[in-house]
Amino acid sequence: MSAPGPRGETVLVCDDAAGIRKTLAQILGDEGYRVETFEDGGSVLSRLGERTGPRPAALFLDVWLPDVDGLSVLDQLRARGHDLPVVMISGHGTVETAVQAVKRGADDFLEKPLALERVLLTLEKALERSRLARERDVLAGEVARQRERLEEEETLLGEGPAMTRLREELRRAGASDARVLITGESGVGKEIAARTLHRLSPRAGGPFVEVNGAAIPEDLIESELFGHVKGSFTGATEDRKGKWEAADGGTLFLDEIGDMSPRTQAKILRAIQDGKISRVGGTRTIETDVRIVAATNRDLPKMIAAGTFREDLYFRLAVVPIRVPTLAERTEDIPVLVAHFAGKLARRRGRRPPTFSPEALEELKRRPWPGNVRELQNVVERALLLADGAVIGPEDLPGDVLRLPRTATGENDGLLPGQTLADARDAFERRVVVRVLEECRGNVSRAAERLGLDRTTLHRRLRAWGLTDEK
């Protein structure tokens, strides 16, 4: 075996002729490959069956071997799922043998005597084809995951009156190019509504680009939106296109528009009015063709009255206002949502989806759901983790869900049997913290600020409730 060189890849050589093994080991070793040599097919098959040692990058395989012919070795490798490049070599090569080798999965065929340049060129081409195939597989997997995500998570589920009305509003708005303002509480599915609007529009073939006003620091939001030129500020090492430019020909989704500062609001208003933008630090104006869809969980008219949101921007954005209903307004859709979430989560774990009993579904329908659909999904996931059987009953629902006050029925407004005031307070605090964390997209620092706690105290409570992976 040769020492590893700068390339680092391991190449296997299987030939019954010691001279050929030595020649290939020297040629490849000089190029920096690690080389392992074998004199029969059984040895190389054993090596490839091992799970230890470096993963081979390629195999040079003689057609004629003392124990089994090389084509049979090739067949066994492919049958076992080995996809490494295989270059067949032979001193008595024929066109028929070469064609058979390629048909059975070989990457190339070399005749003896072996020429140095031909060996290296053949190996390089085989490794490049293998790399491109892996990249293609990775890309195909990513596309499949994206398609699954769109199918599972970006669908407006529910057949009740509220969702039927919402889908109709999105269909009508989608046919136009008018700006849309989507409002609704946290967790109702405003982003899903925005993506649905984009898919229903003539711009469906263009990009859908999201900017989250609550997640980007104030000093970076302008660069994120409009891009910047090299040297415009510390860290601007190259020209960079912003989200507004990236959305050209498609839809720009301004999520959490109510969390953007007055300065950023002014910049957005000017870009909408002019139809042009300028990168930070640049002088050139860039024309764009962008449809704006904005969303917020804030009461913008109240913010306008308080002087924290621009009235002129509000009217520019709310050409078509659309409100996404809360889960409490469409409890008839809860069984459909529960089945959807349970099925999705079970598939991820390779399990059969459980069934929620009618009693469990009725219990869920009576909840107030301040966290809306996002909270329901969390509850379903926790129920799947807690339950042992194929049917989930009320007793399998998370305890803090059962302890919370129900909606206007008036049932269980006080303590449950055996529940102390400390239990009730703890359940209430936990629910508030979970909701604020969801609104802050998991940002513990922002959630702590909203709750009036220091970050360390909030982390300690999250650990106590088992809501963090930290130990």
Protein backbone atom coordinates (compact mmCIF):
# COMPACT_ATOMS: atom_id res chain seq x y z
CA MET A 1 0.00 0.00 0.00
CA SER A 2 1.36 3.42 -0.92
CA ALA A 3 1.37 6.39 1.45
CA PRO A 4 -1.47 8.86 1.11
CA GLY A 5 -0.67 11.92 -0.97
CA PRO A 6 -2.26 15.33 -1.35
CA ARG A 7 -5.27 13.98 -3.25
CA GLY A 8 -6.19 11.69 -0.38
CA GLU A 9 -8.53 9.40 -2.37
CA THR A 10 -8.12 5.65 -2.00
CA VAL A 11 -7.94 3.64 -5.24
CA LEU A 12 -8.14 -0.17 -5.30
CA VAL A 13 -6.22 -2.25 -7.86
CA CYS A 14 -7.18 -5.90 -8.41
CA ASP A 15 -4.98 -7.85 -10.84
CA ASP A 16 -3.34 -11.27 -10.66
CA ALA A 17 -0.14 -9.94 -12.28
CA ALA A 18 2.28 -8.56 -9.69
CA GLY A 19 3.88 -6.32 -12.33
CA ILE A 20 0.58 -4.64 -13.16
CA ARG A 21 -0.20 -4.11 -9.49
CA LYS A 22 3.23 -2.57 -8.94
CA THR A 23 2.99 -0.34 -12.04
CA LEU A 24 -0.45 1.02 -11.14
CA ALA A 25 0.53 1.55 -7.53
CA GLN A 26 3.55 3.57 -8.63
CA ILE A 27 1.63 5.64 -11.23
CA LEU A 28 -1.23 6.46 -8.88
CA GLY A 29 0.97 6.86 -5.81
CA ASP A 30 3.09 9.46 -7.61
CA GLU A 31 -0.10 11.44 -8.21
CA GLY A 32 -0.94 11.44 -4.51
CA TYR A 33 -3.52 8.64 -4.42
CA ARG A 34 -3.59 6.06 -1.65
CA VAL A 35 -3.43 2.65 -3.36
CA GLU A 36 -4.48 -0.78 -2.08
CA THR A 37 -3.69 -3.83 -4.22
CA PHE A 38 -5.35 -7.26 -4.45
CA GLU A 39 -4.50 -10.36 -6.52
CA ASP A 40 -7.93 -12.03 -6.66
CA GLY A 41 -11.61 -11.14 -6.78
CA GLY A 42 -12.50 -12.61 -3.40
CA SER A 43 -10.04 -10.31 -1.62
CA VAL A 44 -11.36 -7.14 -3.21
CA LEU A 45 -14.96 -8.18 -2.51
CA SER A 46 -14.05 -8.73 1.15
CA ARG A 47 -12.38 -5.32 1.28
CA LEU A 48 -15.47 -3.61 -0.13
CA GLY A 49 -17.67 -5.48 2.30
CA GLU A 50 -15.84 -3.97 5.26
CA ARG A 51 -17.18 -0.88 7.02
CA THR A 52 -13.77 0.10 8.37
CA GLY A 53 -10.97 1.93 6.60
CA PRO A 54 -11.16 4.74 4.05
CA ARG A 55 -14.00 4.62 1.53
CA PRO A 56 -12.53 3.72 -1.89
CA ALA A 57 -12.92 6.32 -4.63
CA ALA A 58 -12.38 3.92 -7.58
CA LEU A 59 -11.38 0.37 -8.57
CA PHE A 60 -9.12 -0.88 -11.37
CA LEU A 61 -10.31 -4.47 -12.00
CA ASP A 62 -8.73 -7.10 -14.24
CA VAL A 63 -11.09 -9.15 -16.40
CA TRP A 64 -9.13 -12.39 -15.85
CA LEU A 65 -8.58 -13.36 -12.21
CA PRO A 66 -7.50 -16.71 -10.69
CA ASP A 67 -10.66 -17.32 -8.63
CA VAL A 68 -13.47 -15.56 -10.51
CA ASP A 69 -13.61 -13.41 -13.63
CA GLY A 70 -13.68 -9.63 -13.18
CA LEU A 71 -17.09 -9.20 -14.81
CA SER A 72 -18.61 -11.45 -12.14
CA VAL A 73 -16.92 -9.34 -9.46
CA LEU A 74 -18.41 -6.25 -11.12
CA ASP A 75 -21.87 -7.86 -11.11
CA GLN A 76 -21.61 -8.62 -7.38
CA LEU A 77 -20.47 -5.09 -6.58
CA ARG A 78 -23.40 -3.52 -8.40
CA ALA A 79 -25.82 -6.05 -6.88
CA ARG A 80 -24.60 -5.04 -3.41
CA GLY A 81 -25.22 -1.38 -4.17
CA HIS A 82 -21.58 -0.26 -4.54
CA ASP A 83 -21.54 2.75 -6.85
CA LEU A 84 -17.80 3.45 -6.94
CA PRO A 85 -16.30 3.90 -10.43
CA VAL A 86 -14.85 0.66 -11.85
CA VAL A 87 -12.29 0.65 -14.68
CA MET A 88 -11.87 -2.80 -16.26
CA ILE A 89 -8.40 -3.76 -17.55
CA SER A 90 -7.41 -6.69 -19.76
CA GLY A 91 -4.48 -7.97 -21.79
CA HIS A 92 -6.78 -9.76 -24.21
CA GLY A 93 -9.44 -7.13 -24.63
CA THR A 94 -12.01 -7.29 -27.37
CA VAL A 95 -14.71 -4.87 -28.42
CA GLU A 96 -17.32 -7.36 -27.24
CA THR A 97 -15.72 -7.63 -23.77
CA ALA A 98 -15.51 -3.85 -23.45
CA VAL A 99 -19.17 -3.42 -24.45
CA GLN A 100 -20.22 -6.12 -21.96
CA ALA A 101 -18.24 -4.43 -19.19
CA VAL A 102 -19.85 -1.04 -19.77
CA LYS A 103 -23.33 -2.57 -20.00
CA ARG A 104 -22.79 -4.31 -16.65
CA GLY A 105 -21.76 -1.08 -14.91
CA ALA A 106 -18.09 -0.42 -15.65
CA ASP A 107 -17.09 3.20 -16.17
CA ASP A 108 -14.33 2.50 -18.70
CA PHE A 109 -12.12 -0.20 -20.22
CA LEU A 110 -8.31 -0.18 -20.60
CA GLU A 111 -6.13 -2.54 -22.58
CA LYS A 112 -2.68 -3.70 -21.47
CA PRO A 113 0.05 -2.55 -21.67
CA LEU A 114 -1.10 0.43 -19.65
CA ALA A 115 0.02 3.93 -20.66
CA LEU A 116 0.59 6.38 -17.80
CA GLU A 117 -1.31 9.27 -19.38
CA ARG A 118 -4.27 7.06 -20.34
CA VAL A 119 -4.51 5.59 -16.83
CA LEU A 120 -4.57 9.00 -15.15
CA LEU A 121 -6.98 10.54 -17.66
CA THR A 122 -9.37 7.60 -17.36
CA LEU A 123 -9.32 7.80 -13.56
CA GLU A 124 -9.88 11.55 -13.52
CA LYS A 125 -12.87 11.24 -15.87
CA ALA A 126 -14.35 8.38 -13.80
CA LEU A 127 -14.00 10.35 -10.56
CA GLU A 128 -15.53 13.45 -12.15
CA ARG A 129 -18.53 11.46 -13.42
CA SER A 130 -18.96 9.97 -9.95
CA ARG A 131 -18.80 13.40 -8.32
CA LEU A 132 -21.38 14.82 -10.73
CA ALA A 133 -23.66 11.85 -10.10
CA ARG A 134 -23.44 12.39 -6.33
CA GLU A 135 -24.19 16.10 -6.75
CA ARG A 136 -27.16 15.22 -8.98
CA ASP A 137 -28.47 12.81 -6.36
CA VAL A 138 -28.06 15.41 -3.60
CA LEU A 139 -29.86 18.01 -5.72
CA ALA A 140 -32.63 15.55 -6.57
CA GLY A 141 -33.03 14.74 -2.87
CA GLU A 142 -33.19 18.41 -1.98
CA VAL A 143 -35.81 19.05 -4.69
CA ALA A 144 -37.84 16.10 -3.37
CA ARG A 145 -37.60 17.45 0.19
CA GLN A 146 -38.64 20.91 -0.98
CA ARG A 147 -41.59 19.42 -2.86
CA GLU A 148 -42.59 17.42 0.23
CA ARG A 149 -42.31 20.55 2.38
CA LEU A 150 -44.51 22.50 -0.02
CA GLU A 151 -47.07 19.70 -0.14
CA GLU A 152 -47.13 19.16 3.63
CA GLU A 153 -46.57 22.54 5.18
CA GLU A 154 -47.76 25.10 2.66
CA THR A 155 -51.31 23.92 2.20
CA LEU A 156 -54.27 25.81 3.62
CA LEU A 157 -56.15 22.92 5.21
CA GLY A 158 -59.77 23.06 6.24
CA GLU A 159 -63.16 23.01 4.55
CA GLY A 160 -65.11 25.19 6.97
CA PRO A 161 -66.67 28.55 6.01
CA ALA A 162 -63.70 30.62 7.23
CA MET A 163 -61.12 28.73 5.16
CA THR A 164 -63.40 28.51 2.14
CA ARG A 165 -63.75 32.29 2.25
CA LEU A 166 -59.98 32.77 2.68
CA ARG A 167 -59.15 30.57 -0.31
CA GLU A 168 -61.62 32.50 -2.45
CA GLU A 169 -60.07 35.82 -1.41
CA LEU A 170 -56.59 34.50 -2.25
CA ARG A 171 -57.80 33.22 -5.61
CA ARG A 172 -59.26 36.60 -6.55
CA ALA A 173 -56.24 38.54 -5.31
CA GLY A 174 -53.87 36.13 -7.03
CA ALA A 175 -55.31 36.94 -10.43
CA SER A 176 -54.24 40.58 -10.11
CA ASP A 177 -50.88 42.22 -9.48
CA ALA A 178 -52.17 44.38 -6.62
CA ARG A 179 -50.27 44.65 -3.35
CA VAL A 180 -51.75 42.54 -0.55
CA LEU A 181 -51.59 43.00 3.23
CA ILE A 182 -52.17 39.75 5.13
CA THR A 183 -53.11 40.14 8.79
CA GLY A 184 -53.75 37.65 11.56
CA GLU A 185 -52.45 36.39 14.88
CA SER A 186 -49.16 34.54 15.26
CA GLY A 187 -49.35 30.92 14.14
CA VAL A 188 -52.42 31.21 11.88
CA GLY A 189 -50.47 30.58 8.66
CA LYS A 190 -49.84 34.01 7.13
CA GLU A 191 -46.73 32.84 5.28
CA ILE A 192 -48.61 29.86 3.85
CA ALA A 193 -51.30 32.27 2.67
CA ALA A 194 -48.63 34.45 1.02
CA ARG A 195 -47.06 31.47 -0.76
CA THR A 196 -50.51 30.32 -1.88
CA LEU A 197 -51.16 33.79 -3.27
CA HIS A 198 -47.88 33.62 -5.21
CA ARG A 199 -48.71 30.19 -6.65
CA LEU A 200 -52.11 31.43 -7.79
CA SER A 201 -50.64 34.50 -9.50
CA PRO A 202 -49.23 35.01 -13.02
CA ARG A 203 -45.85 35.33 -11.26
CA ALA A 204 -45.91 31.71 -10.05
CA GLY A 205 -42.94 30.88 -12.28
CA GLY A 206 -40.88 33.67 -10.73
CA PRO A 207 -39.11 33.80 -7.37
CA PHE A 208 -40.82 34.05 -3.98
CA VAL A 209 -38.46 35.94 -1.68
CA GLU A 210 -39.11 36.47 2.03
CA VAL A 211 -37.81 39.22 4.30
CA ASN A 212 -38.63 38.91 8.00
CA GLY A 213 -38.71 42.32 9.62
CA ALA A 214 -38.57 40.89 13.14
CA ALA A 215 -35.58 38.62 12.54
CA ILE A 216 -33.10 41.03 10.91
CA PRO A 217 -31.23 43.61 13.02
CA GLU A 218 -32.06 47.24 12.26
CA ASP A 219 -28.53 48.02 11.08
CA LEU A 220 -28.66 45.21 8.50
CA ILE A 221 -32.23 45.43 7.20
CA GLU A 222 -31.49 48.05 4.52
CA SER A 223 -28.61 46.00 3.11
CA GLU A 224 -30.75 42.84 3.28
CA LEU A 225 -33.54 44.54 1.35
CA PHE A 226 -31.65 46.58 -1.22
CA GLY A 227 -28.15 45.09 -1.30
CA HIS A 228 -24.89 47.00 -1.04
CA VAL A 229 -21.76 47.89 -2.97
CA LYS A 230 -18.26 46.90 -2.00
CA GLY A 231 -16.77 49.14 0.68
CA SER A 232 -20.06 50.79 1.65
CA PHE A 233 -19.59 49.69 5.28
CA THR A 234 -17.31 47.52 7.40
CA GLY A 235 -17.62 43.94 6.20
CA ALA A 236 -18.93 44.83 2.73
CA THR A 237 -16.14 43.01 0.88
CA GLU A 238 -18.04 42.64 -2.38
CA ASP A 239 -21.12 43.89 -4.23
CA ARG A 240 -24.23 42.09 -3.02
CA LYS A 241 -27.71 41.87 -4.48
CA GLY A 242 -30.57 42.47 -2.02
CA LYS A 243 -33.85 40.60 -1.58
CA TRP A 244 -35.75 43.26 -3.55
CA GLU A 245 -33.58 42.67 -6.62
CA ALA A 246 -33.69 38.90 -6.11
CA ALA A 247 -37.51 39.03 -6.27
CA ASP A 248 -37.53 40.72 -9.68
CA GLY A 249 -40.27 39.16 -11.78
CA GLY A 250 -41.78 37.47 -8.74
CA THR A 251 -43.14 38.18 -5.26
CA LEU A 252 -41.42 39.89 -2.33
CA PHE A 253 -42.96 38.83 0.98
CA LEU A 254 -42.40 41.43 3.71
CA ASP A 255 -43.19 39.39 6.81
CA GLU A 256 -43.67 41.14 10.18
CA ILE A 257 -43.91 44.53 8.46
CA GLY A 258 -45.15 46.04 11.72
CA ASP A 259 -41.78 45.33 13.35
CA MET A 260 -39.81 47.41 10.86
CA SER A 261 -38.49 50.79 12.00
CA PRO A 262 -39.84 54.13 10.67
CA ARG A 263 -36.59 54.57 8.72
CA THR A 264 -37.00 51.21 6.98
CA GLN A 265 -40.67 51.97 6.35
CA ALA A 266 -39.66 55.17 4.56
CA LYS A 267 -37.20 53.28 2.36
CA ILE A 268 -39.84 50.68 1.44
CA LEU A 269 -42.39 53.41 0.66
CA ARG A 270 -39.98 55.16 -1.71
CA ALA A 271 -39.09 51.90 -3.46
CA ILE A 272 -42.81 51.15 -3.98
CA GLN A 273 -43.53 54.66 -5.26
CA ASP A 274 -40.55 54.85 -7.63
CA GLY A 275 -40.37 51.24 -8.74
CA LYS A 276 -36.61 51.67 -8.40
CA ILE A 277 -34.03 50.91 -5.73
CA SER A 278 -30.41 51.78 -5.01
CA ARG A 279 -27.94 49.54 -3.24
CA VAL A 280 -26.48 50.82 0.02
CA GLY A 281 -23.46 52.96 -0.84
CA GLY A 282 -24.33 52.96 -4.54
CA THR A 283 -25.48 55.71 -6.88
CA ARG A 284 -26.99 53.64 -9.69
CA THR A 285 -30.77 53.17 -9.64
CA ILE A 286 -32.09 49.70 -10.46
CA GLU A 287 -35.54 49.20 -11.93
CA THR A 288 -37.45 46.22 -10.57
CA ASP A 289 -40.71 44.45 -11.33
CA VAL A 290 -41.79 43.14 -7.93
CA ARG A 291 -45.16 42.34 -6.42
CA ILE A 292 -45.31 43.20 -2.72
CA VAL A 293 -47.15 40.98 -0.25
CA ALA A 294 -46.83 42.06 3.39
CA ALA A 295 -47.96 40.40 6.60
CA THR A 296 -48.23 41.34 10.26
CA ASN A 297 -49.77 40.24 13.55
CA ARG A 298 -49.82 43.84 14.76
CA ASP A 299 -52.77 46.24 14.79
CA LEU A 300 -51.42 48.68 12.18
CA PRO A 301 -54.26 51.26 12.53
CA LYS A 302 -53.43 51.52 16.26
CA MET A 303 -49.74 51.87 15.41
CA ILE A 304 -50.61 54.64 12.95
CA ALA A 305 -52.54 56.47 15.67
CA ALA A 306 -49.55 56.04 17.99
CA GLY A 307 -47.18 57.38 15.33
CA THR A 308 -45.13 54.17 15.00
CA PHE A 309 -46.31 53.13 11.54
CA ARG A 310 -46.60 55.28 8.44
CA GLU A 311 -50.15 55.81 7.24
CA ASP A 312 -49.04 56.39 3.64
CA LEU A 313 -47.18 53.04 3.64
CA TYR A 314 -50.20 51.29 5.14
CA PHE A 315 -52.45 52.43 2.29
CA ARG A 316 -49.79 51.47 -0.26
CA LEU A 317 -49.59 47.95 1.17
CA ALA A 318 -53.26 47.33 1.94
CA VAL A 319 -54.62 47.65 -1.59
CA VAL A 320 -56.12 44.21 -0.96
CA PRO A 321 -56.39 43.42 2.76
CA ILE A 322 -56.78 39.73 3.67
CA ARG A 323 -57.21 38.42 7.20
CA VAL A 324 -56.31 34.83 8.10
CA PRO A 325 -58.78 33.49 10.72
CA THR A 326 -57.67 32.19 14.10
CA LEU A 327 -57.97 28.51 14.94
CA ALA A 328 -60.65 29.36 17.51
CA GLU A 329 -62.75 30.74 14.63
CA ARG A 330 -62.57 27.49 12.71
CA THR A 331 -62.55 24.68 15.23
CA GLU A 332 -64.47 22.52 12.75
CA ASP A 333 -61.15 22.16 10.88
CA ILE A 334 -59.27 20.74 13.88
CA PRO A 335 -59.86 17.04 12.99
CA VAL A 336 -58.45 17.63 9.49
CA LEU A 337 -55.43 19.51 10.86
CA VAL A 338 -54.77 16.88 13.55
CA ALA A 339 -54.87 14.04 10.98
CA HIS A 340 -52.52 16.00 8.71
CA PHE A 341 -49.96 16.75 11.43
CA ALA A 342 -50.13 13.24 12.90
CA GLY A 343 -49.60 11.67 9.48
CA LYS A 344 -46.69 13.93 8.64
CA LEU A 345 -44.92 13.39 11.96
CA ALA A 346 -45.51 9.62 11.90
CA ARG A 347 -44.07 9.33 8.38
CA ARG A 348 -40.94 11.15 9.47
CA ARG A 349 -40.46 8.56 12.20
CA GLY A 350 -41.33 5.63 9.97
CA ARG A 351 -44.44 4.84 12.02
CA ARG A 352 -48.08 4.21 11.26
CA PRO A 353 -50.13 7.36 11.97
CA PRO A 354 -52.18 7.05 15.18
CA THR A 355 -55.87 7.89 15.40
CA PHE A 356 -57.22 10.57 17.72
CA SER A 357 -60.39 9.42 19.47
CA PRO A 358 -63.60 11.49 19.11
CA GLU A 359 -63.26 12.43 22.80
CA ALA A 360 -59.70 13.71 22.24
CA LEU A 361 -60.80 15.73 19.22
CA GLU A 362 -63.68 17.25 21.18
CA GLU A 363 -61.26 18.14 23.97
CA LEU A 364 -59.02 19.87 21.43
CA LYS A 365 -61.97 21.73 19.91
CA ARG A 366 -62.78 23.25 23.30
CA ARG A 367 -59.30 24.77 23.76
CA PRO A 368 -58.83 28.54 23.21
CA TRP A 369 -55.64 28.06 21.07
CA PRO A 370 -53.91 31.42 21.51
CA GLY A 371 -50.96 29.95 19.56
CA ASN A 372 -53.31 28.91 16.74
CA VAL A 373 -52.34 26.25 14.17
CA ARG A 374 -48.68 26.31 15.18
CA GLU A 375 -49.65 25.53 18.77
CA LEU A 376 -51.94 22.71 17.63
CA GLN A 377 -49.09 21.16 15.66
CA ASN A 378 -46.87 21.26 18.76
CA VAL A 379 -49.60 19.62 20.85
CA VAL A 380 -50.08 16.85 18.27
CA GLU A 381 -46.35 16.19 18.19
CA ARG A 382 -46.15 15.99 21.98
CA ALA A 383 -49.19 13.69 22.08
CA LEU A 384 -47.49 11.32 19.62
CA LEU A 385 -44.42 11.23 21.83
CA LEU A 386 -46.43 10.56 25.00
CA ALA A 387 -48.91 8.01 23.65
CA ASP A 388 -48.17 4.27 23.50
CA GLY A 389 -51.18 2.92 21.62
CA ALA A 390 -52.62 3.32 18.13
CA VAL A 391 -55.49 5.49 19.45
CA ILE A 392 -54.83 8.76 21.26
CA GLY A 393 -57.44 9.64 23.88
CA PRO A 394 -57.90 12.70 26.09
CA GLU A 395 -55.62 11.14 28.70
CA ASP A 396 -52.76 11.13 26.14
CA LEU A 397 -52.93 14.87 25.49
CA PRO A 398 -50.18 16.96 27.10
CA GLY A 399 -51.05 17.83 30.70
CA ASP A 400 -50.75 21.58 30.34
CA VAL A 401 -53.30 21.48 27.52
CA LEU A 402 -55.86 19.86 29.83
CA ARG A 403 -55.11 22.31 32.64
CA LEU A 404 -55.81 25.40 30.56
CA PRO A 405 -59.21 27.12 30.76
CA ARG A 406 -61.61 26.09 28.05
CA THR A 407 -63.43 28.44 25.76
CA ALA A 408 -66.76 30.04 26.57
CA THR A 409 -68.36 26.83 27.85
CA GLY A 410 -67.30 27.79 31.38
CA GLU A 411 -66.21 24.25 32.21
CA ASN A 412 -63.09 23.70 34.30
CA ASP A 413 -62.49 27.41 34.84
CA GLY A 414 -60.96 26.66 38.26
CA LEU A 415 -58.42 24.11 39.48
CA LEU A 416 -58.62 20.53 38.35
CA PRO A 417 -58.96 17.87 41.05
CA GLY A 418 -55.62 17.47 42.81
CA GLN A 419 -54.19 20.56 41.15
CA THR A 420 -52.57 23.20 43.34
CA LEU A 421 -52.40 26.92 42.73
CA ALA A 422 -48.67 26.49 42.04
CA ASP A 423 -49.50 23.89 39.36
CA ALA A 424 -51.97 26.25 37.70
CA ARG A 425 -49.52 29.16 37.83
CA ASP A 426 -46.74 27.00 36.37
CA ALA A 427 -48.99 25.83 33.52
CA PHE A 428 -50.06 29.39 32.76
CA GLU A 429 -46.47 30.69 32.78
CA ARG A 430 -45.34 27.85 30.54
CA ARG A 431 -48.06 28.60 28.01
CA VAL A 432 -47.23 32.30 27.94
CA VAL A 433 -43.52 31.58 27.48
CA VAL A 434 -44.18 29.09 24.65
CA ARG A 435 -46.42 31.58 22.88
CA VAL A 436 -43.92 34.45 23.17
CA LEU A 437 -41.09 32.18 21.99
CA GLU A 438 -43.15 31.24 18.93
CA GLU A 439 -43.85 34.91 18.20
CA CYS A 440 -40.09 35.61 18.49
CA ARG A 441 -39.27 32.67 16.17
CA GLY A 442 -37.33 30.89 18.93
CA ASN A 443 -35.09 33.87 19.69
CA VAL A 444 -34.57 33.49 23.46
CA SER A 445 -33.04 36.95 23.91
CA ARG A 446 -36.00 38.71 22.28
CA ALA A 447 -38.48 36.52 24.18
CA ALA A 448 -36.77 37.31 27.49
CA GLU A 449 -36.99 41.03 26.71
CA ARG A 450 -40.69 40.74 25.88
CA LEU A 451 -41.37 38.79 29.08
CA GLY A 452 -39.38 41.16 31.29
CA LEU A 453 -36.93 38.41 32.29
CA ASP A 454 -33.18 38.17 31.98
CA ARG A 455 -31.94 35.60 29.48
CA THR A 456 -30.44 33.30 32.15
CA THR A 457 -33.73 33.09 34.07
CA LEU A 458 -35.65 32.22 30.91
CA HIS A 459 -33.13 29.52 29.98
CA ARG A 460 -33.45 28.05 33.48
CA ARG A 461 -37.25 27.86 33.19
CA LEU A 462 -37.06 26.32 29.73
CA ARG A 463 -34.75 23.61 31.05
CA ALA A 464 -37.06 22.95 33.98
CA TRP A 465 -39.99 22.50 31.59
CA GLY A 466 -37.97 20.28 29.23
CA LEU A 467 -38.32 22.77 26.38
CA THR A 468 -34.63 22.94 25.48
CA ASP A 469 -31.98 20.42 24.46
CA GLU A 470 -29.43 22.08 26.75
CA LYS A 471 -28.24 20.10 29.75
